[in-house]
Amino acid sequence: MKKKKAKKRLLELIEKLQKNFPVSDNVYLCMKRMRKYNGRAIYDGNGKYIIYVNPCLGIEHQLDIIQHEWAHIRVMDEMVHDLHGSTWGKELAKIYTSFCHNFRKVVK
């Protein structure tokens, strides 16, 4: 898949996530090679979240990472310190179920 089309799919997913699973601050996507992680979400302290995704991965894996990281942002947004615990897991399940039933048609 061409880079431009892949990036468009990722941004469409973020748009749908913001609409259906809103967070308090802006979310930005950054494609960055990382040694330890394939994806990461951080809050920069200046009113924005940044989702880092490894650009070397396939598009399907990148879509999964964005959902995974979005669940972290939702949990961070609620000030719950639950890295991969039950609160985060429930949030990811809601996001992924919605993706499978609704978003997939939009981002294909």
Protein backbone atom coordinates (compact mmCIF):
# COMPACT_ATOMS: atom_id res chain seq x y z
CA MET A 1 0.00 0.00 0.00
CA LYS A 2 1.29 3.45 -0.85
CA LYS A 3 2.36 5.63 2.06
CA LYS A 4 -0.14 8.40 1.30
CA LYS A 5 -3.10 6.00 1.21
CA ALA A 6 -1.92 4.22 4.37
CA LYS A 7 -1.55 7.52 6.26
CA LYS A 8 -5.05 8.51 5.12
CA ARG A 9 -6.47 5.27 6.57
CA LEU A 10 -4.73 5.89 9.88
CA LEU A 11 -6.01 9.47 10.09
CA GLU A 12 -9.54 8.33 9.21
CA LEU A 13 -9.40 5.87 12.10
CA ILE A 14 -8.26 8.62 14.49
CA GLU A 15 -11.12 10.83 13.29
CA LYS A 16 -13.63 8.04 13.97
CA LEU A 17 -12.09 7.33 17.36
CA GLN A 18 -12.33 11.00 18.33
CA LYS A 19 -15.99 11.03 17.32
CA ASN A 20 -16.97 7.77 19.03
CA PHE A 21 -14.46 7.62 21.92
CA PRO A 22 -13.66 11.27 22.66
CA VAL A 23 -10.76 12.45 24.79
CA SER A 24 -10.25 15.82 26.44
CA ASP A 25 -7.28 17.02 24.36
CA ASN A 26 -6.05 16.88 20.79
CA VAL A 27 -4.42 13.68 19.53
CA TYR A 28 -1.59 13.71 17.01
CA LEU A 29 -0.13 10.84 15.03
CA CYS A 30 3.63 10.54 14.66
CA MET A 31 5.22 7.84 12.53
CA LYS A 32 8.54 7.01 14.18
CA ARG A 33 10.87 4.03 14.30
CA MET A 34 11.31 2.88 17.87
CA ARG A 35 13.70 0.32 19.29
CA LYS A 36 11.61 -1.03 22.14
CA TYR A 37 8.03 -0.42 21.04
CA ASN A 38 5.83 -0.66 17.97
CA GLY A 39 3.59 2.04 19.38
CA ARG A 40 3.34 4.42 22.28
CA ALA A 41 1.00 7.12 23.60
CA ILE A 42 2.19 10.08 25.63
CA TYR A 43 0.68 13.26 27.02
CA ASP A 44 3.04 16.16 26.38
CA GLY A 45 1.70 18.38 29.17
CA ASN A 46 0.72 21.11 26.72
CA GLY A 47 -2.77 19.93 25.87
CA LYS A 48 -1.99 17.19 23.39
CA TYR A 49 -1.58 13.47 23.23
CA ILE A 50 0.84 11.95 20.75
CA ILE A 51 0.46 8.44 19.38
CA TYR A 52 3.73 7.10 18.01
CA VAL A 53 3.49 4.25 15.49
CA ASN A 54 6.36 2.38 13.90
CA PRO A 55 6.15 3.11 10.13
CA CYS A 56 7.93 -0.16 9.27
CA LEU A 57 4.88 -2.21 10.25
CA GLY A 58 2.05 -3.21 7.92
CA ILE A 59 -1.10 -1.10 7.83
CA GLU A 60 -3.25 -3.64 9.71
CA HIS A 61 -0.73 -3.75 12.55
CA GLN A 62 -0.60 0.06 12.61
CA LEU A 63 -4.41 0.22 12.85
CA ASP A 64 -4.30 -2.20 15.80
CA ILE A 65 -1.61 -0.12 17.51
CA ILE A 66 -3.64 3.06 17.20
CA GLN A 67 -6.63 1.35 18.86
CA HIS A 68 -4.38 -0.04 21.60
CA GLU A 69 -2.86 3.37 22.26
CA TRP A 70 -6.25 5.11 22.09
CA ALA A 71 -7.43 2.88 24.93
CA HIS A 72 -4.40 4.06 26.94
CA ILE A 73 -5.31 7.69 26.23
CA ARG A 74 -8.90 7.11 27.33
CA VAL A 75 -7.68 5.57 30.59
CA MET A 76 -5.10 8.37 31.09
CA ASP A 77 -7.83 10.92 30.38
CA GLU A 78 -9.85 9.51 33.28
CA MET A 79 -6.76 9.65 35.53
CA VAL A 80 -6.81 5.89 36.00
CA HIS A 81 -3.35 4.40 36.42
CA ASP A 82 -3.96 1.05 34.78
CA LEU A 83 -1.28 0.24 32.20
CA HIS A 84 -2.73 -3.03 30.88
CA GLY A 85 -5.24 -3.82 33.60
CA SER A 86 -8.97 -4.39 33.53
CA THR A 87 -9.98 -0.74 32.99
CA TRP A 88 -7.70 -0.46 29.96
CA GLY A 89 -8.77 -3.90 28.71
CA LYS A 90 -12.46 -3.01 28.84
CA GLU A 91 -11.77 0.23 26.98
CA LEU A 92 -9.77 -1.59 24.29
CA ALA A 93 -12.53 -4.18 23.93
CA LYS A 94 -15.12 -1.43 23.33
CA ILE A 95 -12.89 0.27 20.77
CA TYR A 96 -11.96 -2.92 18.95
CA THR A 97 -15.54 -4.20 18.84
CA SER A 98 -16.69 -0.90 17.42
CA PHE A 99 -13.84 -0.99 14.88
CA CYS A 100 -14.81 -4.48 13.72
CA HIS A 101 -18.50 -3.60 13.39
CA ASN A 102 -18.40 0.00 12.19
CA PHE A 103 -15.02 1.50 11.35
CA ARG A 104 -13.59 -1.27 9.21
CA LYS A 105 -15.94 -0.38 6.34
CA VAL A 106 -14.85 3.23 6.54
CA VAL A 107 -11.10 2.73 6.69
CA LYS A 108 -10.71 0.00 4.06
